[in-house]
């Protein structure tokens, strides 16, 4: 391994270990690498411009802002109310309503932390009032968060589509079945929990209550229909859909539900801009780093090492999944995807894996990382909302993690789970 390759590899581990933010880590390594290679540092600026001059990246701030507007504008509250009216009378009904609400909101926000925040802020206290343990309620809210990254639209799917140069619309569709399977698995966990703990279901909603919940939640339920229907109906692209979501969330929050005032709007926009800026900054600096590691053929060297260990594609995929799960627990998923995209696509091509299936597998593995410390944003959000320690919530995540593992195995070894729906696209 060359001097430059050692600098880029060891430097990454050391800087991250001492707590340097990933974007600054990548920028420092890129500048240092250019100096070691005696290359003009202006290339860093060129690569940053090239990395951010991608139309699809506009979907990231769009979907982030759309999700925040819909959460602050009252749409999430009405989704929860509608789900409770439909499922509240079943065994584990309120828990099931939480899952269904998270599934619907995931089809709006595209973000795991946003989904956990929107659902958890409403349902954790309500679940506790109905006899559920608070740590279970917080674990449930944590677990539904990753549904926001599986079910379209998904911000990580947008990022992977840009990095791997794959159709974002097809990647969106690849997450539908895994997301629904995860939701169904959570429902089974909820029913079992309710039976073991003798949780009594709510009374069945009256016709009047059901009509009110449906009428009041109509505009919230319509949001994913408009966004996803527009994408797959060919009305607009995923990037345009994100802007449609922003306009829809603004109209619904300010003029229909009237829960979003102009002062709140300022705070929502500012928060969304900070999150968007952080993500785009990471992507921009990572392109310079990726240029150097590609020039040094580091991805190919990693591929060769892994393939020298075994030639069995099933074992290779298992090793990749284990690696991604461990990495997702300690590293931000955006950073990890940017750094590893070359390696993973190279391995996928070597073993003949469908690139859409590979993208779904990568994103879902990192989605699971959202519920595991030390960088599991969803569990941090649930901890802040519930007032519980992370370890208290973590002890209740076991059954939900089993569901996630089953979903990952299905995505990895049953290609149709992620390729069937995208295959229907023309």
Protein backbone atom coordinates (compact mmCIF):
# COMPACT_ATOMS: atom_id res chain seq x y z
CA UNK A 1 0.00 0.00 0.00
CA UNK A 2 1.37 3.41 -1.02
CA UNK A 3 2.19 6.30 1.32
CA UNK A 4 -0.90 8.16 0.11
CA UNK A 5 -3.17 5.15 0.65
CA UNK A 6 -1.86 4.71 4.19
CA UNK A 7 -2.39 8.41 4.91
CA UNK A 8 -5.97 8.34 3.63
CA UNK A 9 -6.89 5.11 5.44
CA UNK A 10 -5.17 5.60 8.80
CA UNK A 11 -5.94 9.31 8.85
CA UNK A 12 -9.65 8.62 8.45
CA UNK A 13 -9.70 6.24 11.42
CA UNK A 14 -7.61 8.51 13.66
CA UNK A 15 -9.49 11.75 12.96
CA UNK A 16 -12.88 10.13 13.42
CA UNK A 17 -11.69 8.42 16.63
CA UNK A 18 -10.70 11.75 18.18
CA UNK A 19 -14.05 13.28 17.29
CA UNK A 20 -13.30 15.48 14.28
CA UNK A 21 -16.53 16.04 12.29
CA UNK A 22 -16.66 13.87 9.19
CA UNK A 23 -16.87 16.75 6.69
CA UNK A 24 -13.74 18.41 8.13
CA UNK A 25 -12.02 15.03 8.33
CA UNK A 26 -12.58 14.40 4.64
CA UNK A 27 -11.51 17.92 3.68
CA UNK A 28 -8.28 17.73 5.71
CA UNK A 29 -7.43 14.29 4.32
CA UNK A 30 -8.12 15.42 0.76
CA UNK A 31 -5.91 18.51 1.08
CA UNK A 32 -3.16 16.48 2.76
CA UNK A 33 -3.48 13.77 0.14
CA UNK A 34 -3.18 16.25 -2.70
CA UNK A 35 -0.01 17.67 -1.15
CA UNK A 36 1.49 14.21 -0.68
CA UNK A 37 0.67 13.33 -4.28
CA UNK A 38 2.04 16.72 -5.42
CA UNK A 39 -1.25 17.60 -7.11
CA UNK A 40 -2.62 21.13 -7.34
CA UNK A 41 -5.08 21.66 -4.40
CA UNK A 42 -7.43 23.44 -6.79
CA UNK A 43 -8.62 19.95 -7.67
CA UNK A 44 -10.36 19.85 -4.28
CA UNK A 45 -12.50 22.82 -5.25
CA UNK A 46 -13.20 21.26 -8.63
CA UNK A 47 -14.28 17.97 -7.08
CA UNK A 48 -16.49 19.74 -4.53
CA UNK A 49 -18.22 21.64 -7.33
CA UNK A 50 -18.61 18.45 -9.32
CA UNK A 51 -20.02 16.63 -6.30
CA UNK A 52 -22.69 19.21 -5.60
CA UNK A 53 -23.57 20.10 -9.19
CA UNK A 54 -26.14 17.29 -9.37
CA UNK A 55 -29.79 18.08 -9.89
CA UNK A 56 -30.96 15.10 -7.80
CA UNK A 57 -29.31 16.52 -4.68
CA UNK A 58 -31.97 19.24 -4.64
CA UNK A 59 -34.40 16.57 -3.46
CA UNK A 60 -32.59 16.31 -0.11
CA UNK A 61 -33.37 19.79 1.28
CA UNK A 62 -36.80 19.53 -0.34
CA UNK A 63 -37.84 16.33 1.43
CA UNK A 64 -36.27 17.45 4.73
CA UNK A 65 -38.22 20.71 4.68
CA UNK A 66 -41.42 18.99 3.51
CA UNK A 67 -41.24 16.51 6.40
CA UNK A 68 -40.57 19.24 8.96
CA UNK A 69 -43.43 21.39 7.64
CA UNK A 70 -45.87 18.50 7.75
CA UNK A 71 -44.81 17.55 11.26
CA UNK A 72 -45.08 21.08 12.60
CA UNK A 73 -48.25 21.78 10.63
CA UNK A 74 -50.36 19.11 12.34
CA UNK A 75 -50.33 16.40 9.68
CA UNK A 76 -48.54 13.85 11.89
CA UNK A 77 -51.05 14.38 14.71
CA UNK A 78 -53.95 13.69 12.35
CA UNK A 79 -52.31 10.60 10.93
CA UNK A 80 -52.00 9.23 14.49
CA UNK A 81 -55.64 10.08 15.25
CA UNK A 82 -56.83 8.35 12.07
CA UNK A 83 -54.73 5.23 12.75
CA UNK A 84 -56.01 5.07 16.34
CA UNK A 85 -59.63 5.29 15.19
CA UNK A 86 -59.11 2.39 12.77
CA UNK A 87 -56.93 0.05 14.84
CA UNK A 88 -57.41 1.11 18.47
CA UNK A 89 -59.97 -1.61 19.28
CA UNK A 90 -57.66 -4.47 18.24
CA UNK A 91 -55.32 -6.36 20.57
CA UNK A 92 -52.29 -4.11 20.85
CA UNK A 93 -54.33 -1.57 18.91
CA UNK A 94 -52.67 1.63 20.11
CA UNK A 95 -49.26 0.13 19.46
CA UNK A 96 -50.41 -0.93 15.99
CA UNK A 97 -51.75 2.58 15.40
CA UNK A 98 -48.29 3.93 16.24
CA UNK A 99 -46.74 1.66 13.61
CA UNK A 100 -49.30 2.56 10.94
CA UNK A 101 -48.89 6.26 11.69
CA UNK A 102 -45.11 5.86 11.43
CA UNK A 103 -45.52 4.06 8.10
CA UNK A 104 -47.67 6.88 6.72
CA UNK A 105 -45.38 9.60 8.03
CA UNK A 106 -42.38 7.75 6.65
CA UNK A 107 -44.01 8.11 3.24
CA UNK A 108 -43.89 11.87 3.78
CA UNK A 109 -40.66 12.69 5.59
CA UNK A 110 -38.02 10.33 4.19
CA UNK A 111 -36.09 10.65 7.47
CA UNK A 112 -35.74 8.26 10.41
CA UNK A 113 -35.26 10.89 13.16
CA UNK A 114 -38.15 12.97 11.80
CA UNK A 115 -40.47 9.95 11.83
CA UNK A 116 -39.50 9.03 15.38
CA UNK A 117 -39.99 12.63 16.52
CA UNK A 118 -43.36 13.07 14.81
CA UNK A 119 -44.85 9.82 16.11
CA UNK A 120 -43.05 9.58 19.43
CA UNK A 121 -43.95 13.08 20.60
CA UNK A 122 -47.61 12.13 20.37
CA UNK A 123 -47.74 8.42 21.14
CA UNK A 124 -45.20 7.71 23.92
CA UNK A 125 -47.26 9.44 26.61
CA UNK A 126 -50.51 8.05 25.19
CA UNK A 127 -49.17 4.50 25.17
CA UNK A 128 -48.05 4.84 28.77
CA UNK A 129 -51.51 6.08 29.79
CA UNK A 130 -53.03 2.96 28.22
CA UNK A 131 -50.86 0.61 30.28
CA UNK A 132 -47.78 0.16 28.12
CA UNK A 133 -44.38 0.46 29.77
CA UNK A 134 -42.75 3.76 28.89
CA UNK A 135 -39.51 2.09 27.80
CA UNK A 136 -41.48 -0.14 25.41
CA UNK A 137 -43.31 2.89 23.99
CA UNK A 138 -40.00 4.68 23.44
CA UNK A 139 -38.48 1.58 21.81
CA UNK A 140 -41.47 1.35 19.49
CA UNK A 141 -41.14 5.01 18.48
CA UNK A 142 -37.42 4.44 17.91
CA UNK A 143 -38.06 1.40 15.72
CA UNK A 144 -40.67 2.99 13.45
CA UNK A 145 -38.16 5.75 12.64
CA UNK A 146 -36.19 3.69 10.08
CA UNK A 147 -39.43 3.11 8.17
CA UNK A 148 -38.92 6.69 7.02
CA UNK A 149 -35.73 5.58 5.25
CA UNK A 150 -37.21 2.40 3.76
CA UNK A 151 -40.58 3.61 2.50
CA UNK A 152 -40.39 6.22 -0.27
CA UNK A 153 -39.51 8.98 -0.44
CA UNK A 154 -36.22 8.24 1.30
CA UNK A 155 -33.41 10.76 1.70
CA UNK A 156 -30.68 8.04 1.93
CA UNK A 157 -32.07 6.46 -1.26
CA UNK A 158 -31.61 9.82 -2.99
CA UNK A 159 -28.03 9.98 -1.77
CA UNK A 160 -27.25 6.43 -2.87
CA UNK A 161 -28.89 7.05 -6.24
CA UNK A 162 -26.59 10.02 -6.81
CA UNK A 163 -23.47 8.17 -5.62
CA UNK A 164 -24.12 4.94 -7.51
CA UNK A 165 -25.71 6.68 -10.53
CA UNK A 166 -28.91 4.66 -10.24
CA UNK A 167 -32.55 5.60 -10.79
CA UNK A 168 -33.86 7.26 -7.64
CA UNK A 169 -37.45 6.37 -8.57
CA UNK A 170 -36.52 2.67 -8.80
CA UNK A 171 -34.62 2.84 -5.51
CA UNK A 172 -37.71 4.36 -3.90
CA UNK A 173 -39.80 1.42 -5.11
CA UNK A 174 -37.17 -1.04 -3.88
CA UNK A 175 -37.86 0.04 -0.30
CA UNK A 176 -41.64 -0.41 -0.38
CA UNK A 177 -41.88 -4.16 0.27
CA UNK A 178 -39.09 -4.24 2.91
CA UNK A 179 -40.76 -1.32 4.69
CA UNK A 180 -44.14 -3.01 4.69
CA UNK A 181 -42.62 -6.30 5.86
CA UNK A 182 -40.95 -4.47 8.73
CA UNK A 183 -44.26 -2.81 9.62
CA UNK A 184 -46.03 -6.19 9.62
CA UNK A 185 -43.30 -7.64 11.84
CA UNK A 186 -43.71 -4.78 14.30
CA UNK A 187 -47.45 -5.42 14.38
CA UNK A 188 -46.80 -9.05 15.41
CA UNK A 189 -44.43 -7.85 18.13
CA UNK A 190 -47.10 -5.43 19.36
CA UNK A 191 -49.81 -8.08 19.50
CA UNK A 192 -47.54 -10.43 21.42
CA UNK A 193 -46.55 -7.68 23.87
CA UNK A 194 -50.19 -6.75 24.50
CA UNK A 195 -51.16 -10.36 25.18
CA UNK A 196 -48.22 -11.05 27.50
CA UNK A 197 -48.87 -7.85 29.47
CA UNK A 198 -52.66 -8.04 29.42
CA UNK A 199 -53.07 -4.67 27.68
CA UNK A 200 -56.75 -4.04 27.12
CA UNK A 201 -57.70 -2.60 23.73
CA UNK A 202 -59.63 0.63 23.39
CA UNK A 203 -63.33 0.56 22.62
CA UNK A 204 -64.24 0.51 18.96
CA UNK A 205 -64.54 4.01 17.50
CA UNK A 206 -68.08 5.10 16.78
CA UNK A 207 -69.16 5.91 13.27
CA UNK A 208 -69.11 9.60 14.12
CA UNK A 209 -65.58 9.40 15.55
CA UNK A 210 -64.37 7.46 12.53
CA UNK A 211 -65.89 9.96 10.12
CA UNK A 212 -64.34 12.87 12.01
CA UNK A 213 -60.88 11.23 12.07
CA UNK A 214 -61.14 10.52 8.35
CA UNK A 215 -62.40 13.98 7.45
CA UNK A 216 -59.89 15.74 9.71
CA UNK A 217 -57.03 13.58 8.47
CA UNK A 218 -57.97 13.72 4.79
CA UNK A 219 -55.29 16.24 3.81
CA UNK A 220 -52.64 14.39 5.81
CA UNK A 221 -53.55 11.08 4.15
CA UNK A 222 -53.51 12.75 0.75
CA UNK A 223 -49.89 13.92 1.08
CA UNK A 224 -48.12 10.61 0.26
CA UNK A 225 -50.66 9.95 -2.49
CA UNK A 226 -49.79 13.23 -4.20
CA UNK A 227 -46.02 12.91 -3.72
CA UNK A 228 -45.62 9.24 -4.67
CA UNK A 229 -48.46 9.21 -7.19
CA UNK A 230 -46.89 12.16 -8.97
CA UNK A 231 -43.50 10.44 -9.18
CA UNK A 232 -44.74 7.11 -10.49
CA UNK A 233 -47.47 8.65 -12.59
CA UNK A 234 -44.80 10.54 -14.49
CA UNK A 235 -46.15 13.94 -13.46
CA UNK A 236 -42.89 15.06 -11.84
CA UNK A 237 -39.42 13.80 -10.96
CA UNK A 238 -38.36 12.92 -7.37
CA UNK A 239 -36.61 16.29 -7.14
CA UNK A 240 -39.73 18.13 -8.27
CA UNK A 241 -41.80 15.96 -5.91
CA UNK A 242 -39.79 17.24 -2.96
CA UNK A 243 -40.73 20.81 -3.87
CA UNK A 244 -44.36 19.79 -4.32
CA UNK A 245 -44.16 18.35 -0.80
CA UNK A 246 -42.83 21.66 0.53
CA UNK A 247 -45.67 23.63 -1.07
CA UNK A 248 -48.24 21.09 0.11
CA UNK A 249 -46.91 21.07 3.67
CA UNK A 250 -46.93 24.86 3.74
CA UNK A 251 -50.50 25.13 2.46
CA UNK A 252 -51.78 22.40 4.78
CA UNK A 253 -50.01 23.72 7.87
CA UNK A 254 -50.73 27.43 7.40
CA UNK A 255 -54.06 27.60 5.57
CA UNK A 256 -55.89 24.28 6.09
CA UNK A 257 -55.02 23.13 9.60
CA UNK A 258 -53.77 26.57 10.70
CA UNK A 259 -51.28 25.13 13.19
CA UNK A 260 -48.21 26.64 11.56
CA UNK A 261 -47.70 30.36 12.13
CA UNK A 262 -45.05 32.54 10.54
CA UNK A 263 -42.80 32.48 13.61
CA UNK A 264 -42.85 28.67 13.67
CA UNK A 265 -42.26 28.65 9.93
CA UNK A 266 -39.00 30.55 10.43
CA UNK A 267 -37.82 27.99 13.01
CA UNK A 268 -38.80 25.05 10.79
CA UNK A 269 -37.02 26.46 7.74
CA UNK A 270 -33.90 27.29 9.78
CA UNK A 271 -33.78 23.78 11.27
CA UNK A 272 -34.23 22.19 7.86
CA UNK A 273 -31.55 24.37 6.30
CA UNK A 274 -29.06 23.37 9.00
CA UNK A 275 -29.73 19.68 8.41
CA UNK A 276 -29.59 20.06 4.62
CA UNK A 277 -26.38 22.07 4.78
CA UNK A 278 -24.73 19.43 6.94
CA UNK A 279 -25.64 16.61 4.53
CA UNK A 280 -24.60 18.48 1.38
CA UNK A 281 -21.35 19.64 3.01
CA UNK A 282 -20.47 16.02 3.81
CA UNK A 283 -21.24 14.92 0.27
CA UNK A 284 -19.23 17.79 -1.21
CA UNK A 285 -16.06 17.13 0.79
CA UNK A 286 -16.41 13.38 0.32
CA UNK A 287 -16.18 13.74 -3.45
CA UNK A 288 -12.63 15.09 -3.11
CA UNK A 289 -11.72 12.21 -0.81
CA UNK A 290 -13.36 9.70 -3.14
CA UNK A 291 -11.31 11.08 -6.04
CA UNK A 292 -8.08 10.26 -4.23
CA UNK A 293 -9.03 6.80 -2.99
CA UNK A 294 -10.29 5.90 -6.46
CA UNK A 295 -7.03 7.14 -8.00
CA UNK A 296 -5.10 4.97 -5.54
CA UNK A 297 -7.40 2.01 -6.36
CA UNK A 298 -8.16 1.50 -2.67
CA UNK A 299 -11.74 0.29 -3.34
CA UNK A 300 -10.42 -2.35 -5.73
CA UNK A 301 -7.83 -3.46 -3.18
CA UNK A 302 -10.56 -3.89 -0.54
CA UNK A 303 -12.66 -5.83 -3.04
CA UNK A 304 -9.70 -8.09 -3.83
CA UNK A 305 -9.05 -8.77 -0.14
CA UNK A 306 -12.67 -9.63 0.53
CA UNK A 307 -12.94 -11.85 -2.53
CA UNK A 308 -9.71 -13.64 -1.59
CA UNK A 309 -11.36 -14.67 1.67
CA UNK A 310 -14.20 -16.51 -0.08
CA UNK A 311 -15.64 -16.83 -3.57
CA UNK A 312 -19.12 -17.79 -2.36
CA UNK A 313 -21.52 -14.88 -3.13
CA UNK A 314 -23.80 -15.87 -0.24
CA UNK A 315 -20.95 -15.63 2.25
CA UNK A 316 -19.70 -12.39 0.71
CA UNK A 317 -23.15 -10.83 1.13
CA UNK A 318 -23.32 -12.01 4.73
CA UNK A 319 -19.93 -10.42 5.46
CA UNK A 320 -21.04 -7.17 3.82
CA UNK A 321 -24.20 -7.08 5.94
CA UNK A 322 -22.29 -7.68 9.15
CA UNK A 323 -19.82 -4.95 8.20
CA UNK A 324 -22.59 -2.47 7.34
CA UNK A 325 -24.49 -3.17 10.56
CA UNK A 326 -21.36 -2.61 12.66
CA UNK A 327 -20.41 0.50 10.70
CA UNK A 328 -23.94 1.89 10.91
CA UNK A 329 -23.72 1.73 14.69
CA UNK A 330 -20.63 3.92 14.84
CA UNK A 331 -20.73 6.14 11.75
CA UNK A 332 -23.17 8.56 10.16
CA UNK A 333 -24.90 6.79 7.27
CA UNK A 334 -24.40 9.60 4.76
CA UNK A 335 -20.65 9.62 5.37
CA UNK A 336 -20.42 5.83 5.26
CA UNK A 337 -22.34 5.62 1.98
CA UNK A 338 -20.18 8.25 0.33
CA UNK A 339 -16.93 6.61 1.42
CA UNK A 340 -17.99 3.03 0.64
CA UNK A 341 -20.00 3.53 -2.54
CA UNK A 342 -17.06 2.64 -4.80
CA UNK A 343 -16.18 -0.47 -2.80
CA UNK A 344 -19.73 -1.76 -2.54
CA UNK A 345 -20.65 -1.17 -6.16
CA UNK A 346 -17.44 -2.94 -7.17
CA UNK A 347 -18.30 -5.99 -5.07
CA UNK A 348 -21.88 -5.93 -6.36
CA UNK A 349 -20.71 -5.93 -9.97
CA UNK A 350 -18.27 -8.78 -9.30
CA UNK A 351 -20.91 -11.10 -7.84
CA UNK A 352 -23.58 -10.05 -10.34
CA UNK A 353 -25.91 -8.39 -7.83
CA UNK A 354 -28.65 -6.14 -9.17
CA UNK A 355 -27.57 -2.53 -8.40
CA UNK A 356 -31.06 -1.59 -7.18
CA UNK A 357 -31.07 -4.56 -4.78
CA UNK A 358 -27.59 -3.55 -3.60
CA UNK A 359 -28.72 0.03 -2.98
CA UNK A 360 -31.74 -1.12 -0.97
CA UNK A 361 -29.57 -3.49 1.09
CA UNK A 362 -27.08 -0.73 1.91
CA UNK A 363 -29.73 1.84 2.85
CA UNK A 364 -31.72 -0.59 4.99
CA UNK A 365 -28.61 -1.71 6.88
CA UNK A 366 -27.79 1.90 7.67
CA UNK A 367 -31.43 2.55 8.56
CA UNK A 368 -31.08 -0.07 11.28
CA UNK A 369 -28.02 1.86 12.46
CA UNK A 370 -30.43 4.68 13.30
CA UNK A 371 -31.70 2.69 16.30
CA UNK A 372 -28.30 1.70 17.70
CA UNK A 373 -25.93 3.93 19.70
CA UNK A 374 -23.51 5.70 19.58
CA UNK A 375 -24.79 7.47 16.43
CA UNK A 376 -28.36 6.15 16.32
CA UNK A 377 -30.23 9.43 15.83
CA UNK A 378 -33.66 7.83 16.27
CA UNK A 379 -32.83 6.43 19.70
CA UNK A 380 -31.45 9.83 20.76
CA UNK A 381 -34.68 11.50 19.63
CA UNK A 382 -36.79 8.95 21.51
CA UNK A 383 -34.63 9.41 24.60
CA UNK A 384 -35.10 13.18 24.50
CA UNK A 385 -38.87 12.87 24.04
CA UNK A 386 -39.43 10.16 26.66
CA UNK A 387 -36.92 11.37 29.26
CA UNK A 388 -35.47 7.84 29.45
CA UNK A 389 -31.83 6.85 29.23
CA UNK A 390 -30.64 5.31 25.99
CA UNK A 391 -29.79 2.03 27.73
CA UNK A 392 -33.34 1.80 29.11
CA UNK A 393 -34.76 2.06 25.61
CA UNK A 394 -32.08 -0.24 24.20
CA UNK A 395 -33.14 -3.09 26.47
CA UNK A 396 -36.57 -3.10 24.81
CA UNK A 397 -35.32 -3.06 21.21
CA UNK A 398 -34.61 -6.80 20.98
CA UNK A 399 -37.84 -7.99 19.26
CA UNK A 400 -37.75 -5.06 16.84
CA UNK A 401 -34.11 -5.78 15.96
CA UNK A 402 -35.10 -9.37 15.14
CA UNK A 403 -37.63 -7.99 12.66
CA UNK A 404 -34.97 -5.75 11.10
CA UNK A 405 -32.56 -8.68 10.74
CA UNK A 406 -35.24 -10.76 9.00
CA UNK A 407 -35.92 -7.89 6.60
CA UNK A 408 -32.20 -7.50 5.82
CA UNK A 409 -31.89 -11.23 5.10
CA UNK A 410 -34.92 -11.12 2.80
CA UNK A 411 -33.53 -8.12 0.94
CA UNK A 412 -30.13 -9.80 0.62
CA UNK A 413 -31.10 -13.30 -0.43
CA UNK A 414 -34.49 -12.86 -2.11
CA UNK A 415 -33.89 -10.41 -4.97
CA UNK A 416 -37.58 -10.13 -5.89
CA UNK A 417 -38.25 -8.36 -2.59
CA UNK A 418 -36.45 -5.29 -3.93
CA UNK A 419 -36.46 -5.80 -7.71
CA UNK A 420 -40.06 -6.78 -8.48
CA UNK A 421 -41.69 -3.37 -8.07
CA UNK A 422 -38.85 -1.46 -9.81
CA UNK A 423 -39.07 -4.01 -12.62
CA UNK A 424 -42.63 -2.88 -13.32
CA UNK A 425 -41.38 0.58 -14.27
CA UNK A 426 -40.95 1.23 -17.97
